[in-house]
Protein backbone atom coordinates (compact mmCIF):
# COMPACT_ATOMS: atom_id res chain seq x y z
CA MET A 1 11.64 20.00 13.36
CA ASN A 2 9.61 18.12 15.94
CA SER A 3 11.33 14.82 16.65
CA ALA A 4 8.13 13.13 17.83
CA ILE A 5 7.59 11.57 14.42
CA THR A 6 8.96 8.05 14.49
CA THR A 7 11.38 6.70 11.92
CA THR A 8 9.84 4.31 9.44
CA ALA A 9 11.28 0.81 9.48
CA PRO A 10 13.80 0.42 6.64
CA ASP A 11 11.96 -2.46 4.99
CA ARG A 12 8.67 -3.96 6.14
CA GLN A 13 8.76 -7.12 4.05
CA ASP A 14 7.73 -10.63 5.04
CA ARG A 15 9.44 -11.51 8.27
CA PRO A 16 11.17 -14.87 8.82
CA VAL A 17 9.25 -17.08 11.18
CA ALA A 18 10.32 -19.93 13.44
CA LYS A 19 9.68 -23.50 12.34
CA PRO A 20 6.03 -24.26 13.22
CA ALA A 21 5.55 -26.61 16.17
CA SER A 22 1.90 -26.95 17.16
CA LEU A 23 -0.90 -27.90 14.79
CA ALA A 24 -2.24 -24.34 14.96
CA ASP A 25 1.21 -22.99 14.07
CA LYS A 26 1.37 -25.32 11.10
CA ALA A 27 -2.06 -24.28 9.83
CA PHE A 28 -1.17 -20.60 10.01
CA SER A 29 2.19 -21.29 8.37
CA VAL A 30 0.43 -22.89 5.41
CA GLN A 31 -1.87 -19.89 5.05
CA GLN A 32 1.05 -17.46 5.28
CA ALA A 33 3.00 -19.47 2.71
CA PHE A 34 0.54 -18.35 0.03
CA THR A 35 1.31 -14.68 0.71
CA ARG A 36 5.03 -15.31 0.36
CA LEU A 37 4.77 -17.48 -2.74
CA SER A 38 3.05 -14.93 -4.94
CA THR A 39 0.16 -12.54 -5.23
CA PRO A 40 -3.26 -13.41 -3.75
CA GLY A 41 -5.28 -15.54 -6.12
CA SER A 42 -2.29 -17.37 -7.58
CA VAL A 43 -2.43 -21.17 -7.81
CA HIS A 44 0.36 -23.30 -6.35
CA ALA A 45 1.32 -26.96 -6.19
CA LEU A 46 1.20 -28.77 -2.86
CA ARG A 47 4.96 -29.36 -2.93
CA ALA A 48 5.71 -25.64 -3.35
CA ILE A 49 3.35 -24.73 -0.51
CA ALA A 50 4.93 -27.35 1.76
CA GLU A 51 8.46 -26.14 1.02
CA GLU A 52 7.50 -22.52 1.71
CA ALA A 53 5.75 -23.48 4.96
CA GLY A 54 8.64 -25.70 6.07
CA LEU A 55 6.41 -28.76 6.48
CA ASP A 56 6.10 -32.22 4.97
CA ASP A 57 3.68 -32.84 2.11
CA ALA A 58 1.33 -35.09 4.10
CA THR A 59 0.83 -32.53 6.87
CA VAL A 60 0.21 -29.72 4.39
CA HIS A 61 -2.24 -31.87 2.42
CA ARG A 62 -4.33 -32.50 5.55
CA ILE A 63 -4.33 -28.80 6.42
CA LEU A 64 -5.27 -27.79 2.90
CA GLN A 65 -8.12 -30.28 2.69
CA THR A 66 -9.51 -29.07 6.01
CA GLY A 67 -9.17 -25.49 4.82
CA VAL A 68 -10.94 -26.28 1.55
CA SER A 69 -13.98 -27.52 3.46
CA ARG A 70 -14.07 -24.23 5.36
CA GLY A 71 -13.46 -21.93 2.40
CA VAL A 72 -10.01 -20.86 3.59
CA PHE A 73 -8.38 -22.53 0.56
CA GLU A 74 -9.64 -23.56 -2.86
CA GLN A 75 -8.48 -26.60 -4.79
CA VAL A 76 -7.94 -25.82 -8.46
CA GLY A 77 -7.28 -28.98 -10.39
CA ARG A 78 -5.30 -31.90 -9.03
CA GLY A 79 -2.86 -31.00 -6.26
CA ARG A 80 -3.05 -27.24 -6.85
CA TYR A 81 -4.44 -24.68 -4.42
CA ARG A 82 -5.03 -20.99 -3.85
CA LEU A 83 -6.40 -18.84 -1.04
CA GLY A 84 -10.18 -19.05 -0.78
CA THR A 85 -13.01 -16.61 -0.27
CA GLY A 86 -12.97 -17.32 3.45
CA THR A 87 -9.64 -15.52 3.66
CA ALA A 88 -11.13 -12.48 1.91
CA ARG A 89 -14.12 -12.49 4.28
CA ALA A 90 -11.79 -12.59 7.27
CA GLY A 91 -9.94 -9.60 5.85
CA LEU A 92 -13.17 -7.67 5.43
CA HIS A 93 -14.13 -8.30 9.03
CA ALA A 94 -10.66 -7.26 10.16
CA MET A 95 -11.04 -3.99 8.28
CA ALA A 96 -14.52 -3.29 9.68
CA ASP A 97 -12.99 -1.24 12.49
CA ALA A 98 -10.75 0.78 10.19
CA PRO A 99 -10.73 4.54 10.79
CA GLY A 100 -13.93 6.33 9.89
CA ALA A 101 -14.08 8.98 7.19
CA ALA A 102 -14.63 11.78 9.72
CA SER A 103 -11.44 10.92 11.57
CA THR A 104 -9.22 10.71 8.50
CA HIS A 105 -10.79 13.76 6.85
CA SER A 106 -9.98 16.00 9.80
CA ILE A 107 -6.32 14.96 9.51
CA LEU A 108 -6.32 15.80 5.79
CA VAL A 109 -7.89 19.20 6.53
CA THR A 110 -5.13 19.90 9.05
CA LEU A 111 -2.49 18.94 6.46
CA HIS A 112 -4.11 21.21 3.86
CA ARG A 113 -4.23 24.17 6.24
CA ALA A 114 -0.65 23.67 7.39
CA THR A 115 0.79 23.50 3.87
CA GLY A 116 -1.65 25.18 1.51
CA GLY A 117 -1.57 22.12 -0.72
CA LEU A 118 -4.09 19.51 -1.79
CA ALA A 119 -4.19 16.70 0.78
CA LEU A 120 -5.32 13.28 -0.47
CA LEU A 121 -5.63 9.82 1.04
CA TYR A 122 -4.92 6.82 -1.19
CA VAL A 123 -5.58 3.21 -0.21
CA LEU A 124 -4.22 -0.01 -1.68
CA SER A 125 -6.77 -1.95 -3.73
CA PRO A 126 -5.71 -5.47 -4.79
CA PHE A 127 -8.87 -5.99 -6.85
CA GLY A 128 -7.94 -6.18 -10.52
CA GLY A 129 -4.24 -6.06 -9.69
CA ALA A 130 -2.29 -3.90 -7.26
CA ARG A 131 -3.77 -0.41 -7.56
CA ARG A 132 -4.34 2.71 -5.48
CA LEU A 133 -7.63 4.50 -5.03
CA CYS A 134 -8.24 8.00 -3.67
CA THR A 135 -10.81 7.69 -0.89
CA ASP A 136 -10.77 11.22 0.56
CA TYR A 137 -9.23 14.65 0.06
CA ALA A 138 -9.10 18.18 1.45
CA ILE A 139 -8.48 20.93 -1.10
CA GLY A 140 -10.05 23.99 0.52
CA ASP A 141 -11.19 26.63 -1.97
CA ARG A 142 -9.23 25.22 -4.89
CA ASP A 143 -11.21 24.24 -7.96
CA PRO A 144 -10.85 20.46 -8.58
CA ALA A 145 -10.62 21.26 -12.30
CA GLU A 146 -7.42 23.14 -11.51
CA VAL A 147 -5.63 19.85 -11.13
CA GLY A 148 -6.34 19.22 -14.80
CA MET A 149 -7.00 15.49 -14.68
CA THR A 150 -9.35 13.96 -17.21
CA ALA A 151 -11.74 11.10 -16.53
CA GLU A 152 -9.27 8.80 -18.28
CA ASP A 153 -6.49 9.92 -15.96
CA VAL A 154 -8.57 8.97 -12.93
CA VAL A 155 -8.64 5.31 -13.98
CA THR A 156 -5.12 5.13 -15.45
CA VAL A 157 -2.29 7.32 -14.19
CA SER A 158 -3.85 8.02 -10.78
CA ARG A 159 -4.32 4.29 -10.10
CA SER A 160 -0.89 3.05 -11.14
CA LEU A 161 1.52 2.18 -8.31
CA ARG A 162 4.52 2.89 -10.51
CA THR A 163 3.44 6.48 -11.15
CA GLY A 164 3.63 9.35 -8.68
CA ALA A 165 4.94 9.73 -5.14
CA SER A 166 1.82 8.22 -3.58
CA GLY A 167 1.99 5.17 -5.84
CA ARG A 168 5.70 4.61 -5.27
CA VAL A 169 5.27 4.95 -1.50
CA ILE A 170 2.75 2.10 -1.47
CA LEU A 171 4.80 0.04 -3.92
CA ALA A 172 7.94 0.37 -1.79
CA TYR A 173 6.43 -1.65 1.05
CA LEU A 174 4.71 -4.38 -0.94
CA PRO A 175 6.28 -7.87 -1.20
CA GLN A 176 8.92 -8.20 -3.90
CA ARG A 177 6.76 -10.49 -6.04
CA ILE A 178 4.01 -7.87 -6.24
CA ARG A 179 6.57 -5.15 -6.93
CA ASP A 180 7.86 -7.20 -9.85
CA LEU A 181 4.37 -7.44 -11.31
CA VAL A 182 3.90 -3.68 -11.08
CA LEU A 183 7.32 -3.01 -12.60
CA ALA A 184 6.30 -5.16 -15.55
CA GLU A 185 3.36 -2.85 -16.28
CA ASP A 186 3.57 -0.09 -18.85
CA VAL A 187 3.81 3.52 -17.73
CA PRO A 188 0.39 5.17 -18.25
CA PRO A 189 0.58 7.24 -21.46
CA THR A 190 -0.87 10.31 -19.71
CA ALA A 191 1.78 10.36 -16.97
CA GLY A 192 3.65 13.60 -16.35
CA PRO A 193 7.11 14.45 -17.71
CA GLY A 194 8.78 13.58 -14.41
CA VAL A 195 7.56 9.97 -14.26
CA ILE A 196 10.32 7.43 -13.64
CA ARG A 197 10.31 5.18 -16.70
CA ASP A 198 13.50 3.21 -16.10
CA ASN A 199 12.80 0.19 -13.88
CA ASP A 200 16.25 0.20 -12.29
CA ALA A 201 15.86 3.84 -11.31
CA LEU A 202 12.36 3.13 -10.03
CA ALA A 203 13.58 0.20 -7.94
CA THR A 204 16.33 2.41 -6.48
CA SER A 205 13.73 5.02 -5.54
CA LEU A 206 11.76 2.37 -3.64
CA GLY A 207 14.78 1.58 -1.52
CA GLU A 208 15.20 5.28 -0.75
CA ILE A 209 11.54 5.49 0.29
CA ARG A 210 11.98 2.60 2.74
CA ARG A 211 15.09 4.27 4.13
CA LEU A 212 13.63 7.77 4.47
CA GLY A 213 9.94 7.06 5.07
CA PHE A 214 8.63 9.41 2.38
CA ALA A 215 8.78 10.21 -1.35
CA ILE A 216 9.05 13.40 -3.37
CA GLY A 217 7.49 13.61 -6.82
CA ARG A 218 8.38 16.15 -9.49
CA GLN A 219 5.62 16.34 -12.11
CA GLU A 220 5.25 12.56 -12.11
CA CYS A 221 1.49 12.36 -12.58
CA MET A 222 0.72 15.77 -14.04
CA THR A 223 2.62 18.57 -15.67
CA GLY A 224 3.14 21.48 -13.31
CA TRP A 225 2.39 19.64 -10.05
CA ASP A 226 4.90 18.41 -7.44
CA SER A 227 4.18 16.20 -4.46
CA VAL A 228 5.25 14.71 -1.14
CA SER A 229 3.87 11.40 0.08
CA ALA A 230 4.21 9.18 3.16
CA PRO A 231 3.00 5.64 3.90
CA VAL A 232 -0.01 4.63 5.96
CA PHE A 233 0.38 1.33 7.81
CA TRP A 234 -1.82 -1.04 9.75
CA ASP A 235 0.76 -2.37 12.18
CA ASP A 236 3.48 -3.48 9.71
CA THR A 237 1.24 -3.86 6.65
CA ILE A 238 1.08 -1.12 4.04
CA MET A 239 -2.48 0.15 3.64
CA GLY A 240 -2.08 3.33 1.60
CA SER A 241 -0.44 6.73 1.50
CA VAL A 242 -1.05 10.39 2.24
CA LEU A 243 -0.29 12.73 -0.66
CA LEU A 244 0.46 16.44 -0.51
CA LEU A 245 0.09 18.02 -3.95
CA ARG A 246 1.06 21.58 -4.91
CA PRO A 247 1.75 23.45 -8.16
CA SER A 248 5.46 23.27 -8.93
CA ASN A 249 5.82 27.05 -8.79
CA GLU A 250 4.28 27.07 -5.28
CA MET A 251 6.39 24.28 -3.82
CA PRO A 252 9.04 25.82 -1.54
CA ALA A 253 12.72 25.17 -2.09
CA ASP A 254 13.01 23.86 1.48
CA LEU A 255 10.73 20.84 1.53
CA ARG A 256 11.31 19.94 5.18
CA PRO A 257 8.09 21.54 6.45
CA MET A 258 6.10 19.83 3.68
CA ILE A 259 7.70 16.48 4.50
CA TYR A 260 7.14 16.94 8.22
CA HIS A 261 3.43 17.70 7.95
CA THR A 262 2.83 14.93 5.38
CA ARG A 263 4.57 12.31 7.49
CA ARG A 264 2.75 13.49 10.57
CA ALA A 265 -0.64 13.11 8.83
CA ALA A 266 0.28 9.63 7.60
CA GLU A 267 1.41 8.53 11.06
CA GLU A 268 -1.75 9.88 12.67
CA ILE A 269 -3.89 7.89 10.25
CA SER A 270 -1.70 4.84 10.87
CA GLN A 271 -2.35 5.21 14.60
CA LEU A 272 -6.08 5.28 13.91
CA THR A 273 -5.83 1.85 12.29
CA LEU A 274 -4.54 0.48 15.60
CA SER A 275 -6.88 2.44 17.89
CA PRO A 276 -9.76 3.63 15.70
CA VAL A 277 -11.28 6.49 17.62
CA THR A 278 -12.78 9.78 16.50
CA PRO A 279 -10.69 12.82 17.51
CA THR A 280 -12.53 15.13 19.91
CA GLY A 281 -10.50 18.26 19.54
């Protein structure tokens, strides 16, 4: 195998930061405290925010009030706050230079041709809870109906982060608090026979994904289909996953070539998030 593919970091969770010193450091520490406390949109007391940020209540109160006037934070009731719409707008602008569809599609086509499988790109969508959405695919001459998914499946099993290799790959790199929320969800009733229903076994699989940098699925989403998936990152933030899907009877016994090509596609898309350019050849 080509050793050019880098090893995925064992666990890309929130990193410890030094105690904030300057006023700017303190403001950013308050904003980051929300992401460590819980999922976006959650409401927190001033005291909890201050403890997470490592600052005194008075300093955090001044920062929050300034942020409220600028839409960075929202005050919900007395002494309780959440991230504001200004944070979401900043995220949208940050994503404006994300890789274009032409760039990512060519990578999926290459993966399809190298493996003979269906190549799909999933992205993380926090709207309405942590979910995954398929934004592009390359399936060659295969009939989409061959996959056998109903319209209901598209909005249930294929969106769940606890179902399928591509879902588990994204889930593995999310903060623990978000993982806990997903683990509390029910398994979609239309999931395949290989879906991991036991939460302890699912949690163990997430640790293996962080250690290895990929996941293998055996009929998790659909009967008769196996998969390989690898994470797509923007720097150290999970953005989505690349999925290679093949009928179980076509999946080779030696999965190393499938894993290699899937990881390579995911890493190439990850590189595009850092230097978004259109491939020329």
